[in-house]
Amino acid sequence: MPPTLLYRLDTAAVEPEESRPDPAKVLAGDPVHTTWNMEDGDGLYCGVWRSTPGKWRISYDEWEYCRILEGVSVIAEDGGPATTVRAGDGFVLRPGFRGAWEVIETTVKEYVIRV
């Protein structure tokens, strides 16, 4: 049977993965990430991600579209202004983005990554 062409972002249907940022990248706190990957293949990844409060360095080599579902985070590009994102906000992080992500209130986002 061919794979379905329609995916519903349903966290109840996927086993979550728990992780933490590399300790060398953590700037504050002890953030814990929980990820529900819905699609993983052919250079496309999508799902739901949740993080508890903390701050860490980020660097992107891929495109990522995010839509914040819950919480408040501050994303700051190296040498640029900080941007606060909260429920309802959508944005794109481009390859080459370098900076820091700070979770102020536990944040949940939907994401689509294209490598």
PDB file of N, CA and C in Angstrom:
ATOM      1  N   MET A   1       0.848  -1.175   0.000  1.00  0.00           N
ATOM      2  CA  MET A   1       0.000   0.000   0.000  1.00  0.00           C
ATOM      3  C   MET A   1       0.898   1.244   0.000  1.00  0.00           C
ATOM      4  N   PRO A   2       0.648   2.215  -0.873  1.00  0.00           N
ATOM      5  CA  PRO A   2       1.478   3.426  -0.919  1.00  0.00           C
ATOM      6  C   PRO A   2       1.275   4.273   0.326  1.00  0.00           C
ATOM      7  N   PRO A   3       2.287   5.065   0.685  1.00  0.00           N
ATOM      8  CA  PRO A   3       2.122   5.934   1.863  1.00  0.00           C
ATOM      9  C   PRO A   3       1.023   6.962   1.621  1.00  0.00           C
ATOM     10  N   THR A   4       0.413   7.356   2.710  1.00  0.00           N
ATOM     11  CA  THR A   4      -0.647   8.361   2.602  1.00  0.00           C
ATOM     12  C   THR A   4      -0.058   9.698   2.159  1.00  0.00           C
ATOM     13  N   LEU A   5      -0.829  10.476   1.448  1.00  0.00           N
ATOM     14  CA  LEU A   5      -0.392  11.784   0.990  1.00  0.00           C
ATOM     15  C   LEU A   5      -0.874  12.889   1.922  1.00  0.00           C
ATOM     16  N   LEU A   6      -1.648  12.522   2.932  1.00  0.00           N
ATOM     17  CA  LEU A   6      -2.178  13.492   3.873  1.00  0.00           C
ATOM     18  C   LEU A   6      -1.720  13.113   5.270  1.00  0.00           C
ATOM     19  N   TYR A   7      -1.107  14.058   5.951  1.00  0.00           N
ATOM     20  CA  TYR A   7      -0.659  13.833   7.325  1.00  0.00           C
ATOM     21  C   TYR A   7      -1.371  14.809   8.232  1.00  0.00           C
ATOM     22  N   ARG A   8      -1.868  14.317   9.315  1.00  0.00           N
ATOM     23  CA  ARG A   8      -2.476  15.173  10.331  1.00  0.00           C
ATOM     24  C   ARG A   8      -1.489  15.242  11.490  1.00  0.00           C
ATOM     25  N   LEU A   9      -1.203  16.455  11.960  1.00  0.00           N
ATOM     26  CA  LEU A   9      -0.293  16.617  13.078  1.00  0.00           C
ATOM     27  C   LEU A   9      -1.015  16.214  14.359  1.00  0.00           C
ATOM     28  N   ASP A  10      -0.897  14.933  14.691  1.00  0.00           N
ATOM     29  CA  ASP A  10      -1.598  14.341  15.822  1.00  0.00           C
ATOM     30  C   ASP A  10      -0.565  13.749  16.765  1.00  0.00           C
ATOM     31  N   THR A  11      -0.254  14.478  17.843  1.00  0.00           N
ATOM     32  CA  THR A  11       0.793  14.015  18.755  1.00  0.00           C
ATOM     33  C   THR A  11       0.426  12.709  19.444  1.00  0.00           C
ATOM     34  N   ALA A  12      -0.846  12.385  19.545  1.00  0.00           N
ATOM     35  CA  ALA A  12      -1.257  11.133  20.183  1.00  0.00           C
ATOM     36  C   ALA A  12      -0.878   9.919  19.340  1.00  0.00           C
ATOM     37  N   ALA A  13      -0.640  10.118  18.049  1.00  0.00           N
ATOM     38  CA  ALA A  13      -0.340   9.015  17.138  1.00  0.00           C
ATOM     39  C   ALA A  13       1.162   8.742  17.006  1.00  0.00           C
ATOM     40  N   VAL A  14       1.997   9.544  17.664  1.00  0.00           N
ATOM     41  CA  VAL A  14       3.453   9.441  17.493  1.00  0.00           C
ATOM     42  C   VAL A  14       4.121   9.362  18.857  1.00  0.00           C
ATOM     43  N   GLU A  15       5.126   8.519  18.967  1.00  0.00           N
ATOM     44  CA  GLU A  15       5.914   8.412  20.188  1.00  0.00           C
ATOM     45  C   GLU A  15       6.835   9.628  20.294  1.00  0.00           C
ATOM     46  N   PRO A  16       6.755  10.404  21.364  1.00  0.00           N
ATOM     47  CA  PRO A  16       7.610  11.592  21.479  1.00  0.00           C
ATOM     48  C   PRO A  16       9.063  11.220  21.782  1.00  0.00           C
ATOM     49  N   GLU A  17       9.962  12.102  21.351  1.00  0.00           N
ATOM     50  CA  GLU A  17      11.386  11.960  21.639  1.00  0.00           C
ATOM     51  C   GLU A  17      11.777  13.104  22.565  1.00  0.00           C
ATOM     52  N   GLU A  18      12.490  12.801  23.651  1.00  0.00           N
ATOM     53  CA  GLU A  18      12.926  13.842  24.577  1.00  0.00           C
ATOM     54  C   GLU A  18      14.423  14.066  24.405  1.00  0.00           C
ATOM     55  N   SER A  19      14.834  15.335  24.442  1.00  0.00           N
ATOM     56  CA  SER A  19      16.249  15.674  24.288  1.00  0.00           C
ATOM     57  C   SER A  19      16.542  16.984  24.996  1.00  0.00           C
ATOM     58  N   ARG A  20      17.816  17.308  25.047  1.00  0.00           N
ATOM     59  CA  ARG A  20      18.282  18.589  25.573  1.00  0.00           C
ATOM     60  C   ARG A  20      19.285  19.144  24.576  1.00  0.00           C
ATOM     61  N   PRO A  21      19.451  20.469  24.553  1.00  0.00           N
ATOM     62  CA  PRO A  21      20.501  21.024  23.696  1.00  0.00           C
ATOM     63  C   PRO A  21      21.874  20.535  24.161  1.00  0.00           C
ATOM     64  N   ASP A  22      22.830  20.530  23.245  1.00  0.00           N
ATOM     65  CA  ASP A  22      24.210  20.219  23.593  1.00  0.00           C
ATOM     66  C   ASP A  22      24.610  21.127  24.762  1.00  0.00           C
ATOM     67  N   PRO A  23      25.140  20.569  25.860  1.00  0.00           N
ATOM     68  CA  PRO A  23      25.506  21.394  27.017  1.00  0.00           C
ATOM     69  C   PRO A  23      26.428  22.568  26.672  1.00  0.00           C
ATOM     70  N   ALA A  24      27.266  22.418  25.660  1.00  0.00           N
ATOM     71  CA  ALA A  24      28.169  23.504  25.256  1.00  0.00           C
ATOM     72  C   ALA A  24      27.404  24.680  24.655  1.00  0.00           C
ATOM     73  N   LYS A  25      26.157  24.458  24.231  1.00  0.00           N
ATOM     74  CA  LYS A  25      25.354  25.523  23.616  1.00  0.00           C
ATOM     75  C   LYS A  25      24.388  26.178  24.595  1.00  0.00           C
ATOM     76  N   VAL A  26      24.203  25.579  25.771  1.00  0.00           N
ATOM     77  CA  VAL A  26      23.245  26.116  26.740  1.00  0.00           C
ATOM     78  C   VAL A  26      23.813  27.383  27.368  1.00  0.00           C
ATOM     79  N   LEU A  27      23.011  28.455  27.335  1.00  0.00           N
ATOM     80  CA  LEU A  27      23.403  29.744  27.909  1.00  0.00           C
ATOM     81  C   LEU A  27      22.728  30.005  29.252  1.00  0.00           C
ATOM     82  N   ALA A  28      21.570  29.374  29.490  1.00  0.00           N
ATOM     83  CA  ALA A  28      20.851  29.556  30.749  1.00  0.00           C
ATOM     84  C   ALA A  28      19.836  28.436  30.929  1.00  0.00           C
ATOM     85  N   GLY A  29      19.602  28.042  32.174  1.00  0.00           N
ATOM     86  CA  GLY A  29      18.577  27.058  32.490  1.00  0.00           C
ATOM     87  C   GLY A  29      18.949  25.644  32.088  1.00  0.00           C
ATOM     88  N   ASP A  30      17.933  24.792  32.068  1.00  0.00           N
ATOM     89  CA  ASP A  30      18.072  23.382  31.695  1.00  0.00           C
ATOM     90  C   ASP A  30      16.886  23.006  30.811  1.00  0.00           C
ATOM     91  N   PRO A  31      16.855  23.559  29.574  1.00  0.00           N
ATOM     92  CA  PRO A  31      15.697  23.307  28.712  1.00  0.00           C
ATOM     93  C   PRO A  31      15.586  21.834  28.307  1.00  0.00           C
ATOM     94  N   VAL A  32      14.358  21.341  28.325  1.00  0.00           N
ATOM     95  CA  VAL A  32      14.055  19.981  27.880  1.00  0.00           C
ATOM     96  C   VAL A  32      13.149  20.097  26.664  1.00  0.00           C
ATOM     97  N   HIS A  33      13.526  19.415  25.594  1.00  0.00           N
ATOM     98  CA  HIS A  33      12.756  19.438  24.348  1.00  0.00           C
ATOM     99  C   HIS A  33      12.013  18.111  24.190  1.00  0.00           C
ATOM    100  N   THR A  34      10.771  18.201  23.781  1.00  0.00           N
ATOM    101  CA  THR A  34       9.994  17.020  23.417  1.00  0.00           C
ATOM    102  C   THR A  34       9.545  17.232  21.976  1.00  0.00           C
ATOM    103  N   THR A  35       9.807  16.237  21.127  1.00  0.00           N
ATOM    104  CA  THR A  35       9.507  16.354  19.698  1.00  0.00           C
ATOM    105  C   THR A  35       8.650  15.180  19.246  1.00  0.00           C
ATOM    106  N   TRP A  36       7.591  15.510  18.516  1.00  0.00           N
ATOM    107  CA  TRP A  36       6.741  14.512  17.877  1.00  0.00           C
ATOM    108  C   TRP A  36       6.974  14.665  16.379  1.00  0.00           C
ATOM    109  N   ASN A  37       7.833  13.838  15.780  1.00  0.00           N
ATOM    110  CA  ASN A  37       8.107  13.896  14.345  1.00  0.00           C
ATOM    111  C   ASN A  37       6.994  13.169  13.600  1.00  0.00           C
ATOM    112  N   MET A  38       6.330  13.898  12.703  1.00  0.00           N
ATOM    113  CA  MET A  38       5.227  13.320  11.943  1.00  0.00           C
ATOM    114  C   MET A  38       5.690  12.797  10.585  1.00  0.00           C
ATOM    115  N   GLU A  39       6.695  13.438  10.042  1.00  0.00           N
ATOM    116  CA  GLU A  39       7.225  13.048   8.725  1.00  0.00           C
ATOM    117  C   GLU A  39       8.726  13.189   8.791  1.00  0.00           C
ATOM    118  N   ASP A  40       9.410  12.197   8.276  1.00  0.00           N
ATOM    119  CA  ASP A  40      10.856  12.196   8.338  1.00  0.00           C
ATOM    120  C   ASP A  40      11.371  11.463   7.101  1.00  0.00           C
ATOM    121  N   GLY A  41      11.719  12.221   6.077  1.00  0.00           N
ATOM    122  CA  GLY A  41      12.250  11.571   4.892  1.00  0.00           C
ATOM    123  C   GLY A  41      12.238  12.482   3.687  1.00  0.00           C
ATOM    124  N   ASP A  42      13.039  12.123   2.698  1.00  0.00           N
ATOM    125  CA  ASP A  42      13.145  12.871   1.456  1.00  0.00           C
ATOM    126  C   ASP A  42      13.478  14.342   1.696  1.00  0.00           C
ATOM    127  N   GLY A  43      14.239  14.625   2.769  1.00  0.00           N
ATOM    128  CA  GLY A  43      14.656  15.994   3.044  1.00  0.00           C
ATOM    129  C   GLY A  43      13.581  16.862   3.666  1.00  0.00           C
ATOM    130  N   LEU A  44      12.462  16.258   4.088  1.00  0.00           N
ATOM    131  CA  LEU A  44      11.371  17.010   4.694  1.00  0.00           C
ATOM    132  C   LEU A  44      11.076  16.427   6.073  1.00  0.00           C
ATOM    133  N   TYR A  45      10.957  17.307   7.042  1.00  0.00           N
ATOM    134  CA  TYR A  45      10.629  16.909   8.406  1.00  0.00           C
ATOM    135  C   TYR A  45       9.536  17.842   8.903  1.00  0.00           C
ATOM    136  N   CYS A  46       8.565  17.306   9.606  1.00  0.00           N
ATOM    137  CA  CYS A  46       7.539  18.152  10.194  1.00  0.00           C
ATOM    138  C   CYS A  46       7.007  17.488  11.448  1.00  0.00           C
ATOM    139  N   GLY A  47       6.438  18.307  12.305  1.00  0.00           N
ATOM    140  CA  GLY A  47       5.890  17.779  13.536  1.00  0.00           C
ATOM    141  C   GLY A  47       5.623  18.877  14.526  1.00  0.00           C
ATOM    142  N   VAL A  48       5.645  18.485  15.785  1.00  0.00           N
ATOM    143  CA  VAL A  48       5.388  19.397  16.898  1.00  0.00           C
ATOM    144  C   VAL A  48       6.565  19.293  17.864  1.00  0.00           C
ATOM    145  N   TRP A  49       6.995  20.440  18.378  1.00  0.00           N
ATOM    146  CA  TRP A  49       8.131  20.537  19.301  1.00  0.00           C
ATOM    147  C   TRP A  49       7.712  21.347  20.495  1.00  0.00           C
ATOM    148  N   ARG A  50       8.158  20.915  21.677  1.00  0.00           N
ATOM    149  CA  ARG A  50       7.888  21.650  22.908  1.00  0.00           C
ATOM    150  C   ARG A  50       9.203  21.800  23.667  1.00  0.00           C
ATOM    151  N   SER A  51       9.395  22.972  24.270  1.00  0.00           N
ATOM    152  CA  SER A  51      10.578  23.202  25.089  1.00  0.00           C
ATOM    153  C   SER A  51      10.188  23.890  26.381  1.00  0.00           C
ATOM    154  N   THR A  52      10.835  23.454  27.457  1.00  0.00           N
ATOM    155  CA  THR A  52      10.699  24.130  28.740  1.00  0.00           C
ATOM    156  C   THR A  52      11.666  25.314  28.754  1.00  0.00           C
ATOM    157  N   PRO A  53      11.521  26.240  29.710  1.00  0.00           N
ATOM    158  CA  PRO A  53      12.358  27.443  29.737  1.00  0.00           C
ATOM    159  C   PRO A  53      13.861  27.177  29.778  1.00  0.00           C
ATOM    160  N   GLY A  54      14.577  28.067  29.129  1.00  0.00           N
ATOM    161  CA  GLY A  54      16.036  28.034  29.050  1.00  0.00           C
ATOM    162  C   GLY A  54      16.476  28.815  27.829  1.00  0.00           C
ATOM    163  N   LYS A  55      17.785  28.898  27.649  1.00  0.00           N
ATOM    164  CA  LYS A  55      18.347  29.646  26.517  1.00  0.00           C
ATOM    165  C   LYS A  55      19.544  28.880  25.978  1.00  0.00           C
ATOM    166  N   TRP A  56      19.656  28.798  24.641  1.00  0.00           N
ATOM    167  CA  TRP A  56      20.754  28.079  24.016  1.00  0.00           C
ATOM    168  C   TRP A  56      21.081  28.688  22.661  1.00  0.00           C
ATOM    169  N   ARG A  57      22.283  28.404  22.192  1.00  0.00           N
ATOM    170  CA  ARG A  57      22.748  28.848  20.872  1.00  0.00           C
ATOM    171  C   ARG A  57      22.088  27.988  19.802  1.00  0.00           C
ATOM    172  N   ILE A  58      21.726  28.624  18.684  1.00  0.00           N
ATOM    173  CA  ILE A  58      21.154  27.899  17.550  1.00  0.00           C
ATOM    174  C   ILE A  58      21.913  28.258  16.276  1.00  0.00           C
ATOM    175  N   SER A  59      21.946  27.318  15.360  1.00  0.00           N
ATOM    176  CA  SER A  59      22.505  27.563  14.023  1.00  0.00           C
ATOM    177  C   SER A  59      21.748  26.668  13.054  1.00  0.00           C
ATOM    178  N   TYR A  60      21.350  27.253  11.930  1.00  0.00           N
ATOM    179  CA  TYR A  60      20.522  26.543  10.952  1.00  0.00           C
ATOM    180  C   TYR A  60      21.264  26.362   9.642  1.00  0.00           C
ATOM    181  N   ASP A  61      21.240  25.135   9.140  1.00  0.00           N
ATOM    182  CA  ASP A  61      21.776  24.824   7.821  1.00  0.00           C
ATOM    183  C   ASP A  61      20.643  24.469   6.867  1.00  0.00           C
ATOM    184  N   GLU A  62      19.413  24.574   7.348  1.00  0.00           N
ATOM    185  CA  GLU A  62      18.234  24.203   6.579  1.00  0.00           C
ATOM    186  C   GLU A  62      17.167  25.285   6.749  1.00  0.00           C
ATOM    187  N   TRP A  63      16.114  25.179   5.942  1.00  0.00           N
ATOM    188  CA  TRP A  63      14.947  26.054   6.058  1.00  0.00           C
ATOM    189  C   TRP A  63      14.032  25.469   7.117  1.00  0.00           C
ATOM    190  N   GLU A  64      13.469  26.334   7.978  1.00  0.00           N
ATOM    191  CA  GLU A  64      12.457  25.876   8.919  1.00  0.00           C
ATOM    192  C   GLU A  64      11.345  26.907   9.020  1.00  0.00           C
ATOM    193  N   TYR A  65      10.118  26.434   8.780  1.00  0.00           N
ATOM    194  CA  TYR A  65       8.929  27.249   9.040  1.00  0.00           C
ATOM    195  C   TYR A  65       8.385  26.814  10.396  1.00  0.00           C
ATOM    196  N   CYS A  66       8.055  27.773  11.251  1.00  0.00           N
ATOM    197  CA  CYS A  66       7.509  27.495  12.575  1.00  0.00           C
ATOM    198  C   CYS A  66       6.226  28.281  12.776  1.00  0.00           C
ATOM    199  N   ARG A  67       5.314  27.686  13.521  1.00  0.00           N
ATOM    200  CA  ARG A  67       4.114  28.393  13.974  1.00  0.00           C
ATOM    201  C   ARG A  67       3.981  28.098  15.453  1.00  0.00           C
ATOM    202  N   ILE A  68       4.015  29.145  16.270  1.00  0.00           N
ATOM    203  CA  ILE A  68       3.939  28.983  17.713  1.00  0.00           C
ATOM    204  C   ILE A  68       2.492  28.712  18.117  1.00  0.00           C
ATOM    205  N   LEU A  69       2.302  27.628  18.868  1.00  0.00           N
ATOM    206  CA  LEU A  69       0.967  27.238  19.329  1.00  0.00           C
ATOM    207  C   LEU A  69       0.717  27.687  20.767  1.00  0.00           C
ATOM    208  N   GLU A  70       1.780  27.675  21.582  1.00  0.00           N
ATOM    209  CA  GLU A  70       1.666  28.039  23.001  1.00  0.00           C
ATOM    210  C   GLU A  70       2.976  28.642  23.453  1.00  0.00           C
ATOM    211  N   GLY A  71       2.912  29.495  24.472  1.00  0.00           N
ATOM    212  CA  GLY A  71       4.106  29.986  25.133  1.00  0.00           C
ATOM    213  C   GLY A  71       4.696  31.241  24.521  1.00  0.00           C
ATOM    214  N   VAL A  72       5.867  31.607  25.069  1.00  0.00           N
ATOM    215  CA  VAL A  72       6.587  32.798  24.633  1.00  0.00           C
ATOM    216  C   VAL A  72       8.069  32.465  24.548  1.00  0.00           C
ATOM    217  N   SER A  73       8.690  32.840  23.429  1.00  0.00           N
ATOM    218  CA  SER A  73      10.126  32.673  23.229  1.00  0.00           C
ATOM    219  C   SER A  73      10.699  33.947  22.642  1.00  0.00           C
ATOM    220  N   VAL A  74      12.008  34.122  22.807  1.00  0.00           N
ATOM    221  CA  VAL A  74      12.723  35.235  22.203  1.00  0.00           C
ATOM    222  C   VAL A  74      13.834  34.636  21.346  1.00  0.00           C
ATOM    223  N   ILE A  75      13.855  35.027  20.066  1.00  0.00           N
ATOM    224  CA  ILE A  75      14.871  34.545  19.136  1.00  0.00           C
ATOM    225  C   ILE A  75      15.713  35.744  18.729  1.00  0.00           C
ATOM    226  N   ALA A  76      17.021  35.619  18.875  1.00  0.00           N
ATOM    227  CA  ALA A  76      17.925  36.728  18.555  1.00  0.00           C
ATOM    228  C   ALA A  76      18.992  36.248  17.588  1.00  0.00           C
ATOM    229  N   GLU A  77      19.081  36.923  16.446  1.00  0.00           N
ATOM    230  CA  GLU A  77      20.133  36.623  15.478  1.00  0.00           C
ATOM    231  C   GLU A  77      21.411  37.320  15.924  1.00  0.00           C
ATOM    232  N   ASP A  78      22.554  36.653  15.763  1.00  0.00           N
ATOM    233  CA  ASP A  78      23.832  37.277  16.095  1.00  0.00           C
ATOM    234  C   ASP A  78      23.936  38.622  15.392  1.00  0.00           C
ATOM    235  N   GLY A  79      24.187  39.679  16.152  1.00  0.00           N
ATOM    236  CA  GLY A  79      24.337  41.007  15.580  1.00  0.00           C
ATOM    237  C   GLY A  79      23.040  41.680  15.186  1.00  0.00           C
ATOM    238  N   GLY A  80      21.903  41.047  15.484  1.00  0.00           N
ATOM    239  CA  GLY A  80      20.618  41.620  15.100  1.00  0.00           C
ATOM    240  C   GLY A  80      19.706  41.775  16.293  1.00  0.00           C
ATOM    241  N   PRO A  81      18.527  42.306  16.050  1.00  0.00           N
ATOM    242  CA  PRO A  81      17.586  42.515  17.152  1.00  0.00           C
ATOM    243  C   PRO A  81      16.943  41.206  17.606  1.00  0.00           C
ATOM    244  N   ALA A  82      16.459  41.197  18.836  1.00  0.00           N
ATOM    245  CA  ALA A  82      15.721  40.052  19.365  1.00  0.00           C
ATOM    246  C   ALA A  82      14.262  40.174  18.929  1.00  0.00           C
ATOM    247  N   THR A  83      13.642  39.043  18.644  1.00  0.00           N
ATOM    248  CA  THR A  83      12.238  39.001  18.247  1.00  0.00           C
ATOM    249  C   THR A  83      11.483  38.095  19.211  1.00  0.00           C
ATOM    250  N   THR A  84      10.419  38.620  19.792  1.00  0.00           N
ATOM    251  CA  THR A  84       9.574  37.822  20.675  1.00  0.00           C
ATOM    252  C   THR A  84       8.495  37.159  19.840  1.00  0.00           C
ATOM    253  N   VAL A  85       8.318  35.838  20.038  1.00  0.00           N
ATOM    254  CA  VAL A  85       7.287  35.089  19.325  1.00  0.00           C
ATOM    255  C   VAL A  85       6.377  34.442  20.359  1.00  0.00           C
ATOM    256  N   ARG A  86       5.087  34.397  20.000  1.00  0.00           N
ATOM    257  CA  ARG A  86       4.097  33.827  20.923  1.00  0.00           C
ATOM    258  C   ARG A  86       2.994  33.167  20.112  1.00  0.00           C
ATOM    259  N   ALA A  87       2.045  32.554  20.806  1.00  0.00           N
ATOM    260  CA  ALA A  87       0.963  31.817  20.147  1.00  0.00           C
ATOM    261  C   ALA A  87       0.370  32.622  18.996  1.00  0.00           C
ATOM    262  N   GLY A  88       0.275  31.973  17.841  1.00  0.00           N
ATOM    263  CA  GLY A  88      -0.276  32.589  16.635  1.00  0.00           C
ATOM    264  C   GLY A  88       0.769  33.111  15.682  1.00  0.00           C
ATOM    265  N   ASP A  89       2.013  33.294  16.142  1.00  0.00           N
ATOM    266  CA  ASP A  89       3.079  33.808  15.280  1.00  0.00           C
ATOM    267  C   ASP A  89       3.664  32.700  14.410  1.00  0.00           C
ATOM    268  N   GLY A  90       3.897  33.020  13.146  1.00  0.00           N
ATOM    269  CA  GLY A  90       4.577  32.127  12.221  1.00  0.00           C
ATOM    270  C   GLY A  90       5.802  32.833  11.668  1.00  0.00           C
ATOM    271  N   PHE A  91       6.856  32.090  11.381  1.00  0.00           N
ATOM    272  CA  PHE A  91       8.085  32.693  10.875  1.00  0.00           C
ATOM    273  C   PHE A  91       8.943  31.632  10.202  1.00  0.00           C
ATOM    274  N   VAL A  92       9.945  32.094   9.449  1.00  0.00           N
ATOM    275  CA  VAL A  92      10.884  31.219   8.758  1.00  0.00           C
ATOM    276  C   VAL A  92      12.292  31.516   9.251  1.00  0.00           C
ATOM    277  N   LEU A  93      13.030  30.467   9.563  1.00  0.00           N
ATOM    278  CA  LEU A  93      14.457  30.566   9.853  1.00  0.00           C
ATOM    279  C   LEU A  93      15.180  30.034   8.622  1.00  0.00           C
ATOM    280  N   ARG A  94      16.080  30.841   8.078  1.00  0.00           N
ATOM    281  CA  ARG A  94      16.768  30.490   6.834  1.00  0.00           C
ATOM    282  C   ARG A  94      18.106  29.810   7.103  1.00  0.00           C
ATOM    283  N   PRO A  95      18.604  29.045   6.135  1.00  0.00           N
ATOM    284  CA  PRO A  95      19.946  28.481   6.288  1.00  0.00           C
ATOM    285  C   PRO A  95      20.949  29.612   6.538  1.00  0.00           C
ATOM    286  N   GLY A  96      21.858  29.381   7.471  1.00  0.00           N
ATOM    287  CA  GLY A  96      22.852  30.382   7.820  1.00  0.00           C
ATOM    288  C   GLY A  96      22.479  31.205   9.043  1.00  0.00           C
ATOM    289  N   PHE A  97      21.230  31.059   9.539  1.00  0.00           N
ATOM    290  CA  PHE A  97      20.820  31.800  10.728  1.00  0.00           C
ATOM    291  C   PHE A  97      21.621  31.314  11.922  1.00  0.00           C
ATOM    292  N   ARG A  98      22.207  32.250  12.655  1.00  0.00           N
ATOM    293  CA  ARG A  98      22.972  31.943  13.861  1.00  0.00           C
ATOM    294  C   ARG A  98      22.505  32.884  14.954  1.00  0.00           C
ATOM    295  N   GLY A  99      22.334  32.371  16.156  1.00  0.00           N
ATOM    296  CA  GLY A  99      21.902  33.223  17.241  1.00  0.00           C
ATOM    297  C   GLY A  99      21.568  32.431  18.483  1.00  0.00           C
ATOM    298  N   ALA A 100      20.510  32.867  19.183  1.00  0.00           N
ATOM    299  CA  ALA A 100      20.082  32.218  20.427  1.00  0.00           C
ATOM    300  C   ALA A 100      18.567  32.127  20.465  1.00  0.00           C
ATOM    301  N   TRP A 101      18.090  31.058  21.064  1.00  0.00           N
ATOM    302  CA  TRP A 101      16.653  30.855  21.296  1.00  0.00           C
ATOM    303  C   TRP A 101      16.475  30.804  22.804  1.00  0.00           C
ATOM    304  N   GLU A 102      15.584  31.653  23.310  1.00  0.00           N
ATOM    305  CA  GLU A 102      15.284  31.667  24.735  1.00  0.00           C
ATOM    306  C   GLU A 102      13.801  31.406  24.937  1.00  0.00           C
ATOM    307  N   VAL A 103      13.489  30.352  25.667  1.00  0.00           N
ATOM    308  CA  VAL A 103      12.105  30.044  26.012  1.00  0.00           C
ATOM    309  C   VAL A 103      11.804  30.719  27.341  1.00  0.00           C
ATOM    310  N   ILE A 104      10.884  31.681  27.304  1.00  0.00           N
ATOM    311  CA  ILE A 104      10.469  32.411  28.502  1.00  0.00           C
ATOM    312  C   ILE A 104       9.365  31.636  29.219  1.00  0.00           C
ATOM    313  N   GLU A 105       8.357  31.209  28.452  1.00  0.00           N
ATOM    314  CA  GLU A 105       7.273  30.344  28.936  1.00  0.00           C
ATOM    315  C   GLU A 105       7.287  29.106  28.051  1.00  0.00           C
ATOM    316  N   THR A 106       7.112  27.933  28.637  1.00  0.00           N
ATOM    317  CA  THR A 106       7.137  26.694  27.849  1.00  0.00           C
ATOM    318  C   THR A 106       6.461  26.939  26.514  1.00  0.00           C
ATOM    319  N   THR A 107       7.189  26.614  25.450  1.00  0.00           N
ATOM    320  CA  THR A 107       6.759  26.928  24.085  1.00  0.00           C
ATOM    321  C   THR A 107       6.484  25.649  23.307  1.00  0.00           C
ATOM    322  N   VAL A 108       5.384  25.665  22.551  1.00  0.00           N
ATOM    323  CA  VAL A 108       5.035  24.576  21.645  1.00  0.00           C
ATOM    324  C   VAL A 108       4.927  25.160  20.252  1.00  0.00           C
ATOM    325  N   LYS A 109       5.568  24.506  19.282  1.00  0.00           N
ATOM    326  CA  LYS A 109       5.498  24.974  17.895  1.00  0.00           C
ATOM    327  C   LYS A 109       5.244  23.801  16.959  1.00  0.00           C
ATOM    328  N   GLU A 110       4.577  24.094  15.848  1.00  0.00           N
ATOM    329  CA  GLU A 110       4.540  23.196  14.703  1.00  0.00           C
ATOM    330  C   GLU A 110       5.705  23.615  13.816  1.00  0.00           C
ATOM    331  N   TYR A 111       6.323  22.666  13.157  1.00  0.00           N
ATOM    332  CA  TYR A 111       7.457  23.014  12.295  1.00  0.00           C
ATOM    333  C   TYR A 111       7.454  22.183  11.021  1.00  0.00           C
ATOM    334  N   VAL A 112       8.040  22.780  10.004  1.00  0.00           N
ATOM    335  CA  VAL A 112       8.329  22.084   8.754  1.00  0.00           C
ATOM    336  C   VAL A 112       9.768  22.453   8.402  1.00  0.00           C
ATOM    337  N   ILE A 113      10.611  21.448   8.239  1.00  0.00           N
ATOM    338  CA  ILE A 113      12.023  21.643   7.914  1.00  0.00           C
ATOM    339  C   ILE A 113      12.294  21.053   6.538  1.00  0.00           C
ATOM    340  N   ARG A 114      12.964  21.826   5.702  1.00  0.00           N
ATOM    341  CA  ARG A 114      13.382  21.360   4.373  1.00  0.00           C
ATOM    342  C   ARG A 114      14.888  21.459   4.291  1.00  0.00           C
ATOM    343  N   VAL A 115      15.537  20.323   4.073  1.00  0.00           N
ATOM    344  CA  VAL A 115      17.010  20.323   3.964  1.00  0.00           C
ATOM    345  C   VAL A 115      17.444  20.208   2.525  1.00  0.00           C
TER     346      VAL A 115
END
